[in-house]
Amino acid sequence: MVSRRVMLASGLASGLAALVGSAARAAGSDVIRIPVRQSFNRLWTSVRFDGHEPVRFMIDTGSDGYLVDGDIATQLGLKPSLPAEVAGVVGSKGVHGYWTPRIVIGEAFADQDVFMLGTDFEDFIKGALPGWFLQAYKTEIDFQGGEIRLYPSGAPDTSGYEAVKLIHRQRETGAGSLLDQRRIRDPQMLVNVDLGGHKLRVVLDTGSPNVLTLFPYANRRLGLWKAEGARQVGGAGVSGAYAGRQMRAGDLTIGSSVIKSPVVTMIDPTRTSYNDIDGLLGLDALRRFNVVIDAAGGQFWIKPNGAFTMAQRIDRSGLEGYNHQGKVHVVGVVAGSPAETAGLKAGDVIDPQGGPGPFWWSLEGGPGEVIEFTAQRDGQAVPVRLVLRDIV
């Protein structure tokens, strides 16, 4: 999971001011259209740095600012800037800052004088765009149509949508006079949801691949961590790794829409994290709706789309492992899981076609899907046939 970040005040101010200015200059057209694509339960668009081919960046509505993978920053020749601190769901750490004079987002508009925090992403993530650029105007996210539409003037049609109150915390963003023309009260957008009768305040977070992730404070309050049926899992954000668990904790209600008994991810309740946010409403929930964001009006409009009843993307294999030099190293299998039934063992090494990212993604397919590959064990090739099924 890519966790929450805190951007340096100066970087946030300069970035948003430049973005609003360039978007406003494009206001002669009715709509600014940004092509997007979904894969690996993330939302992507292109970012072009001057003199380079476009790079695929994740759109992360839970992020306070621009992020870039350190190796990509070096390849692009980004100029090192002041050191900074990146804060996630389980602490913070020091990172390098980078500056670039100009980027073009989605081949649609330019941002200038951009500050980015450098971090270490998963192998398929090159960088992330913050959620605040979706708040400058009324914004429509068409997940199935593959497009984000910004409305410098006018508004999208919300006929058939349901309005959900959008919450902004009263906190300082570091915004100064550069943001006077169009202020953002809080880069993170929050809504209230209900999980099995528990009221939760959560961040709208396209950077999280899960349906719902509960922070340590919420886990302590709800007492779900030690509940029967919870499965132990691992996780990591930009500020470090953490122990996690997954379980089904009842129906998730957003407005009047109900996602039936999703698997919820919980972060170790002994860790230090936010106390004023209960968790993250991730892309596996948000992609089930057509979405309109009216940050200035405090409204989040939703309408279920064709993906609403699709199976949740969760691990259905029971395989536990890590990536190293392009291969997957098995460290264990869940007892009674499809991985155990298929004969996988700790110490097996898998060299998946297409790399580890697509391989792990395939293990989150629907129940009944068959995954076939070859594992190496003691120098011998072992064919594996794995039939996915729910294990939580």
Protein backbone atom coordinates (compact mmCIF):
# COMPACT_ATOMS: atom_id res chain seq x y z
CA MET A 1 0.00 0.00 0.00
CA VAL A 2 1.23 3.50 -0.76
CA SER A 3 0.67 5.43 2.42
CA ARG A 4 -0.20 9.02 3.21
CA ARG A 5 2.34 11.75 2.73
CA VAL A 6 2.92 15.23 4.06
CA MET A 7 4.36 17.63 1.51
CA LEU A 8 6.77 20.43 2.32
CA ALA A 9 4.75 23.62 2.58
CA SER A 10 6.77 25.46 -0.04
CA GLY A 11 6.45 22.63 -2.54
CA LEU A 12 2.71 22.31 -2.06
CA ALA A 13 2.15 26.02 -2.46
CA SER A 14 4.23 26.44 -5.60
CA GLY A 15 2.90 23.28 -7.24
CA LEU A 16 -0.78 24.07 -6.78
CA ALA A 17 -0.41 27.70 -7.73
CA ALA A 18 1.28 26.73 -11.00
CA LEU A 19 -1.30 24.05 -11.74
CA VAL A 20 -4.26 26.34 -11.16
CA GLY A 21 -2.69 29.00 -13.38
CA SER A 22 -2.12 26.69 -16.33
CA ALA A 23 -5.54 25.09 -15.96
CA ALA A 24 -7.16 28.51 -15.88
CA ARG A 25 -5.40 29.46 -19.12
CA ALA A 26 -7.04 26.40 -20.68
CA ALA A 27 -10.46 27.58 -19.56
CA GLY A 28 -11.35 28.63 -23.08
CA SER A 29 -12.39 25.03 -23.60
CA ASP A 30 -15.34 23.73 -21.60
CA VAL A 31 -13.59 20.69 -20.16
CA ILE A 32 -10.00 19.60 -19.46
CA ARG A 33 -9.77 15.88 -20.26
CA ILE A 34 -7.12 13.64 -18.73
CA PRO A 35 -6.94 10.06 -20.07
CA VAL A 36 -6.52 7.45 -17.32
CA ARG A 37 -6.16 3.69 -17.13
CA GLN A 38 -6.74 1.14 -14.38
CA SER A 39 -4.37 -1.73 -13.68
CA PHE A 40 -3.03 -3.42 -10.52
CA ASN A 41 -5.92 -1.70 -8.70
CA ARG A 42 -4.30 1.67 -9.34
CA LEU A 43 -5.32 4.63 -11.50
CA TRP A 44 -2.67 5.84 -13.97
CA THR A 45 -1.97 8.68 -16.35
CA SER A 46 1.10 9.91 -18.19
CA VAL A 47 3.51 12.58 -16.94
CA ARG A 48 5.96 14.12 -19.39
CA PHE A 49 9.15 15.74 -18.15
CA ASP A 50 10.87 18.18 -20.52
CA GLY A 51 13.10 16.33 -22.94
CA HIS A 52 11.85 12.85 -22.01
CA GLU A 53 9.23 10.35 -23.07
CA PRO A 54 6.07 10.17 -20.90
CA VAL A 55 6.31 8.25 -17.62
CA ARG A 56 3.35 6.42 -16.08
CA PHE A 57 2.36 8.01 -12.76
CA MET A 58 -0.27 6.84 -10.30
CA ILE A 59 -3.08 9.24 -9.38
CA ASP A 60 -3.18 9.19 -5.58
CA THR A 61 -6.03 11.18 -4.05
CA GLY A 62 -4.69 10.35 -0.58
CA SER A 63 -1.37 12.08 -1.19
CA ASP A 64 -0.53 15.63 -0.12
CA GLY A 65 2.01 16.18 -2.90
CA TYR A 66 3.98 14.90 -5.86
CA LEU A 67 6.06 11.74 -5.36
CA VAL A 68 8.71 10.21 -7.59
CA ASP A 69 10.68 6.99 -7.34
CA GLY A 70 14.31 7.81 -6.55
CA ASP A 71 15.70 5.74 -9.43
CA ILE A 72 13.34 7.44 -11.89
CA ALA A 73 14.36 10.87 -10.57
CA THR A 74 17.98 9.99 -11.31
CA GLN A 75 17.16 8.70 -14.81
CA LEU A 76 15.21 11.88 -15.58
CA GLY A 77 18.02 14.07 -14.29
CA LEU A 78 15.78 15.85 -11.77
CA LYS A 79 17.55 18.51 -9.77
CA PRO A 80 18.07 17.59 -6.07
CA SER A 81 16.35 20.03 -3.75
CA LEU A 82 16.09 20.38 0.02
CA PRO A 83 15.79 17.19 2.09
CA ALA A 84 12.27 16.52 3.33
CA GLU A 85 10.25 14.21 5.51
CA VAL A 86 7.67 11.76 4.22
CA ALA A 87 4.93 10.69 6.65
CA GLY A 88 2.92 7.49 6.22
CA VAL A 89 0.43 5.43 8.17
CA VAL A 90 3.14 3.97 10.42
CA GLY A 91 5.56 6.82 11.01
CA SER A 92 7.82 9.02 8.93
CA LYS A 93 11.28 9.04 7.39
CA GLY A 94 13.67 11.46 5.76
CA VAL A 95 13.86 11.53 1.96
CA HIS A 96 15.41 13.54 -0.85
CA GLY A 97 13.47 16.32 -2.51
CA TYR A 98 13.61 16.99 -6.27
CA TRP A 99 12.73 19.98 -8.39
CA THR A 100 11.74 20.16 -12.04
CA PRO A 101 10.76 23.27 -14.00
CA ARG A 102 7.81 21.76 -15.86
CA ILE A 103 5.69 18.64 -16.30
CA VAL A 104 2.73 17.85 -18.54
CA ILE A 105 -0.03 15.72 -16.98
CA GLY A 106 -2.01 13.41 -19.23
CA GLU A 107 -0.92 15.44 -22.28
CA ALA A 108 -3.66 17.83 -21.13
CA PHE A 109 -2.02 20.67 -19.20
CA ALA A 110 1.29 21.75 -17.71
CA ASP A 111 2.45 22.36 -14.16
CA GLN A 112 5.52 24.49 -13.50
CA ASP A 113 8.14 24.82 -10.78
CA VAL A 114 7.28 21.40 -9.35
CA PHE A 115 8.70 19.97 -6.12
CA MET A 116 8.59 16.17 -5.65
CA LEU A 117 9.40 13.93 -2.74
CA GLY A 118 11.66 11.02 -3.62
CA THR A 119 10.72 7.60 -2.28
CA ASP A 120 11.06 3.89 -3.04
CA PHE A 121 8.00 2.51 -4.77
CA GLU A 122 7.02 -0.99 -5.81
CA ASP A 123 8.73 -2.01 -9.04
CA PHE A 124 5.83 -0.98 -11.29
CA ILE A 125 5.16 2.46 -9.74
CA LYS A 126 7.27 5.34 -11.03
CA GLY A 127 5.59 8.25 -9.24
CA ALA A 128 2.34 9.67 -7.91
CA LEU A 129 0.20 12.74 -8.54
CA PRO A 130 -1.51 14.34 -5.51
CA GLY A 131 -5.26 14.52 -4.99
CA TRP A 132 -5.38 18.28 -4.58
CA PHE A 133 -5.21 18.96 -8.32
CA LEU A 134 -8.68 17.33 -8.55
CA GLN A 135 -10.07 19.86 -6.08
CA ALA A 136 -9.28 23.07 -7.95
CA TYR A 137 -12.44 22.68 -10.06
CA LYS A 138 -15.49 20.46 -10.18
CA THR A 139 -14.08 17.11 -11.27
CA GLU A 140 -15.60 13.99 -12.80
CA ILE A 141 -13.82 10.62 -12.58
CA ASP A 142 -15.15 8.22 -15.21
CA PHE A 143 -13.47 4.96 -14.24
CA GLN A 144 -15.07 2.84 -16.93
CA GLY A 145 -14.69 5.50 -19.63
CA GLY A 146 -11.00 5.95 -18.76
CA GLU A 147 -11.09 9.71 -18.28
CA ILE A 148 -10.89 12.43 -15.64
CA ARG A 149 -12.69 15.63 -16.61
CA LEU A 150 -12.00 18.99 -14.95
CA TYR A 151 -14.56 21.80 -15.31
CA PRO A 152 -12.98 25.29 -15.07
CA SER A 153 -16.49 26.62 -15.74
CA GLY A 154 -19.82 24.87 -15.51
CA ALA A 155 -20.30 21.47 -13.94
CA PRO A 156 -20.83 17.82 -14.91
CA ASP A 157 -24.32 16.36 -15.06
CA THR A 158 -25.09 14.68 -11.71
CA SER A 159 -28.52 13.35 -12.66
CA GLY A 160 -28.97 9.97 -11.00
CA TYR A 161 -26.05 10.55 -8.62
CA GLU A 162 -26.23 10.57 -4.83
CA ALA A 163 -24.58 13.40 -2.89
CA VAL A 164 -22.32 12.40 0.02
CA LYS A 165 -20.94 15.10 2.32
CA LEU A 166 -17.26 15.77 1.73
CA ILE A 167 -15.33 16.48 4.93
CA HIS A 168 -12.27 18.69 5.28
CA ARG A 169 -10.28 18.71 8.51
CA GLN A 170 -9.25 22.04 9.95
CA ARG A 171 -5.50 21.78 9.54
CA GLU A 172 -2.72 23.88 8.12
CA THR A 173 -1.48 22.96 4.64
CA GLY A 174 1.31 25.51 4.51
CA ALA A 175 -0.59 27.41 1.80
CA GLY A 176 0.26 31.09 1.68
CA SER A 177 -0.55 33.99 -0.59
CA LEU A 178 0.23 31.96 -3.71
CA LEU A 179 -3.01 30.05 -3.14
CA ASP A 180 -5.26 33.03 -2.50
CA GLN A 181 -6.97 32.74 -5.88
CA ARG A 182 -8.20 29.22 -5.21
CA ARG A 183 -7.61 27.84 -1.72
CA ILE A 184 -7.57 24.15 -0.83
CA ARG A 185 -8.54 23.71 2.81
CA ASP A 186 -7.17 20.16 3.06
CA PRO A 187 -5.43 18.16 0.34
CA GLN A 188 -7.08 14.98 1.66
CA MET A 189 -10.79 14.41 1.04
CA LEU A 190 -12.77 12.49 3.67
CA VAL A 191 -16.25 10.96 3.87
CA ASN A 192 -18.22 9.10 6.51
CA VAL A 193 -19.02 5.42 5.86
CA ASP A 194 -20.53 2.59 7.85
CA LEU A 195 -18.85 -0.78 8.36
CA GLY A 196 -21.10 -3.37 10.01
CA GLY A 197 -22.77 -0.72 12.16
CA HIS A 198 -19.54 1.18 12.97
CA LYS A 199 -19.30 4.79 11.80
CA LEU A 200 -15.95 5.60 10.21
CA ARG A 201 -14.29 8.71 8.77
CA VAL A 202 -12.07 7.70 5.86
CA VAL A 203 -9.87 9.30 3.20
CA LEU A 204 -10.85 8.91 -0.47
CA ASP A 205 -7.67 7.25 -1.67
CA THR A 206 -7.12 6.03 -5.23
CA GLY A 207 -3.54 5.23 -4.19
CA SER A 208 -4.71 2.37 -1.97
CA PRO A 209 -5.57 -0.82 -3.89
CA ASN A 210 -7.90 -2.12 -1.16
CA VAL A 211 -11.61 -1.63 -0.56
CA LEU A 212 -11.07 -0.39 2.99
CA THR A 213 -7.95 -0.11 5.16
CA LEU A 214 -8.35 0.56 8.89
CA PHE A 215 -5.71 2.56 10.75
CA PRO A 216 -4.34 1.47 14.17
CA TYR A 217 -6.57 3.88 16.12
CA ALA A 218 -9.71 2.49 14.48
CA ASN A 219 -8.59 -1.08 15.10
CA ARG A 220 -8.10 -0.33 18.79
CA ARG A 221 -11.49 1.37 19.00
CA LEU A 222 -13.41 -1.34 17.12
CA GLY A 223 -11.57 -4.31 18.62
CA LEU A 224 -11.36 -6.14 15.28
CA TRP A 225 -7.67 -7.05 15.36
CA LYS A 226 -8.10 -10.25 17.36
CA ALA A 227 -11.49 -11.18 15.92
CA GLU A 228 -12.03 -14.77 14.84
CA GLY A 229 -11.35 -15.37 11.15
CA ALA A 230 -8.74 -12.62 10.72
CA ARG A 231 -5.85 -13.64 8.45
CA GLN A 232 -2.35 -12.32 9.05
CA VAL A 233 -0.82 -10.40 6.14
CA GLY A 234 2.10 -8.04 5.63
CA GLY A 235 2.06 -4.57 4.19
CA ALA A 236 4.31 -1.62 3.46
CA GLY A 237 3.97 2.08 2.83
CA VAL A 238 6.45 4.79 2.02
CA SER A 239 7.38 5.09 5.69
CA GLY A 240 8.01 1.39 6.28
CA ALA A 241 6.61 -2.11 6.63
CA TYR A 242 3.88 -3.15 9.05
CA ALA A 243 2.01 -6.23 10.19
CA GLY A 244 -1.56 -6.43 8.99
CA ARG A 245 -4.63 -8.62 9.09
CA GLN A 246 -7.60 -9.14 6.81
CA MET A 247 -11.14 -10.17 7.63
CA ARG A 248 -14.76 -9.68 6.65
CA ALA A 249 -16.28 -7.23 9.13
CA GLY A 250 -19.80 -6.72 7.77
CA ASP A 251 -21.29 -4.68 4.95
CA LEU A 252 -19.70 -1.39 3.87
CA THR A 253 -22.22 1.41 3.27
CA ILE A 254 -21.28 4.54 1.31
CA GLY A 255 -24.22 6.90 1.12
CA SER A 256 -27.03 4.45 0.42
CA SER A 257 -24.87 2.06 -1.64
CA VAL A 258 -23.87 -1.18 0.07
CA ILE A 259 -20.79 -3.27 -0.77
CA LYS A 260 -21.61 -6.68 0.65
CA SER A 261 -19.15 -8.08 3.22
CA PRO A 262 -15.84 -6.93 1.67
CA VAL A 263 -12.47 -8.06 2.97
CA VAL A 264 -11.07 -5.26 5.14
CA THR A 265 -7.34 -4.70 5.69
CA MET A 266 -6.23 -3.72 9.21
CA ILE A 267 -2.91 -2.18 10.29
CA ASP A 268 -1.24 -3.36 13.51
CA PRO A 269 -2.99 -1.42 16.32
CA THR A 270 0.26 -1.08 18.30
CA ARG A 271 1.72 1.20 15.63
CA THR A 272 1.53 4.99 15.81
CA SER A 273 -0.67 6.63 13.19
CA TYR A 274 -3.42 9.20 12.67
CA ASN A 275 -6.02 9.64 15.42
CA ASP A 276 -8.43 11.83 13.47
CA ILE A 277 -8.85 9.46 10.49
CA ASP A 278 -10.14 5.90 10.71
CA GLY A 279 -8.72 4.63 7.44
CA LEU A 280 -8.66 4.67 3.65
CA LEU A 281 -11.47 4.08 1.18
CA GLY A 282 -9.38 2.64 -1.63
CA LEU A 283 -9.64 2.19 -5.37
CA ASP A 284 -11.27 -1.24 -5.11
CA ALA A 285 -14.26 0.58 -3.62
CA LEU A 286 -14.11 3.85 -5.60
CA ARG A 287 -13.84 2.15 -9.03
CA ARG A 288 -17.35 0.77 -8.51
CA PHE A 289 -18.83 4.25 -8.93
CA ASN A 290 -18.88 7.12 -11.36
CA VAL A 291 -17.63 10.00 -9.21
CA VAL A 292 -18.01 13.78 -9.18
CA ILE A 293 -15.96 15.86 -6.73
CA ASP A 294 -17.08 19.36 -5.77
CA ALA A 295 -14.51 20.25 -3.12
CA ALA A 296 -15.56 23.90 -2.85
CA GLY A 297 -19.19 22.88 -2.38
CA GLY A 298 -18.31 20.09 0.06
CA GLN A 299 -19.97 17.37 -2.03
CA PHE A 300 -18.88 13.97 -3.30
CA TRP A 301 -21.34 12.59 -5.85
CA ILE A 302 -21.53 8.84 -6.59
CA LYS A 303 -23.46 6.58 -8.94
CA PRO A 304 -22.81 2.80 -9.06
CA ASN A 305 -21.39 1.69 -12.41
CA GLY A 306 -20.97 -1.66 -14.14
CA ALA A 307 -18.12 -2.66 -11.81
CA PHE A 308 -20.22 -2.36 -8.65
CA THR A 309 -20.84 -6.10 -8.21
CA MET A 310 -17.45 -7.29 -9.49
CA ALA A 311 -15.35 -9.55 -7.26
CA GLN A 312 -12.97 -7.80 -4.90
CA ARG A 313 -9.29 -7.93 -5.85
CA ILE A 314 -7.71 -9.82 -2.93
CA ASP A 315 -5.18 -12.61 -2.62
CA ARG A 316 -6.91 -15.94 -3.23
CA SER A 317 -3.77 -18.07 -3.35
CA GLY A 318 -2.33 -18.15 0.16
CA LEU A 319 1.19 -17.78 -1.25
CA GLU A 320 3.54 -15.70 0.91
CA GLY A 321 6.79 -14.35 -0.50
CA TYR A 322 8.92 -11.41 -1.55
CA ASN A 323 10.45 -10.02 -4.74
CA HIS A 324 14.20 -10.10 -5.38
CA GLN A 325 16.00 -9.41 -8.67
CA GLY A 326 12.84 -9.91 -10.72
CA LYS A 327 11.87 -13.21 -9.10
CA VAL A 328 9.36 -14.24 -6.42
CA HIS A 329 10.83 -16.10 -3.44
CA VAL A 330 8.31 -18.20 -1.50
CA VAL A 331 8.63 -17.95 2.29
CA GLY A 332 5.51 -19.90 3.19
CA VAL A 333 1.94 -20.87 2.31
CA VAL A 334 -1.28 -20.50 4.31
CA ALA A 335 -2.48 -23.82 5.72
CA GLY A 336 -5.28 -25.28 3.63
CA SER A 337 -4.88 -22.62 0.92
CA PRO A 338 -4.72 -23.15 -2.85
CA ALA A 339 -0.93 -22.58 -2.68
CA GLU A 340 -0.56 -25.48 -0.23
CA THR A 341 -2.89 -27.67 -2.29
CA ALA A 342 -0.78 -26.91 -5.39
CA GLY A 343 2.34 -28.15 -3.57
CA LEU A 344 4.25 -24.89 -3.22
CA LYS A 345 6.84 -24.84 -0.42
CA ALA A 346 9.02 -22.33 1.39
CA GLY A 347 12.25 -21.88 -0.58
CA ASP A 348 10.64 -22.23 -4.00
CA VAL A 349 11.63 -19.55 -6.51
CA ILE A 350 9.32 -18.34 -9.27
CA ASP A 351 10.57 -16.46 -12.35
CA PRO A 352 7.22 -15.17 -13.64
CA GLN A 353 6.70 -14.11 -17.21
CA GLY A 354 6.15 -10.35 -17.21
CA GLY A 355 7.73 -9.86 -13.78
CA PRO A 356 6.59 -10.06 -10.15
CA GLY A 357 3.97 -7.30 -10.42
CA PRO A 358 1.69 -9.04 -12.96
CA PHE A 359 2.28 -12.35 -11.16
CA TRP A 360 1.02 -11.09 -7.79
CA TRP A 361 -1.87 -9.38 -9.60
CA SER A 362 -2.90 -12.69 -11.17
CA LEU A 363 -3.17 -14.25 -7.70
CA GLU A 364 -5.93 -11.73 -6.92
CA GLY A 365 -8.22 -13.08 -9.63
CA GLY A 366 -11.74 -14.34 -9.07
CA PRO A 367 -12.64 -17.64 -7.39
CA GLY A 368 -12.13 -20.58 -9.74
CA GLU A 369 -9.49 -18.92 -11.91
CA VAL A 370 -6.54 -21.20 -12.71
CA ILE A 371 -2.96 -19.91 -12.58
CA GLU A 372 -0.23 -22.11 -14.08
CA PHE A 373 3.51 -21.49 -13.80
CA THR A 374 6.83 -23.20 -13.04
CA ALA A 375 8.69 -23.02 -9.73
CA GLN A 376 12.35 -23.87 -9.16
CA ARG A 377 13.07 -26.19 -6.22
CA ASP A 378 16.55 -27.55 -5.48
CA GLY A 379 17.56 -26.93 -9.08
CA GLN A 380 14.55 -28.73 -10.50
CA ALA A 381 11.60 -27.27 -12.42
CA VAL A 382 8.27 -27.95 -10.69
CA PRO A 383 5.05 -27.32 -12.65
CA VAL A 384 2.35 -25.64 -10.55
CA ARG A 385 -1.40 -25.47 -11.17
CA LEU A 386 -3.10 -23.17 -8.69
CA VAL A 387 -6.91 -22.83 -8.49
CA LEU A 388 -7.91 -19.61 -6.74
CA ARG A 389 -10.60 -19.46 -4.06
CA ASP A 390 -11.56 -17.25 -1.13
CA ILE A 391 -9.42 -17.88 1.95
CA VAL A 392 -10.78 -15.03 4.13
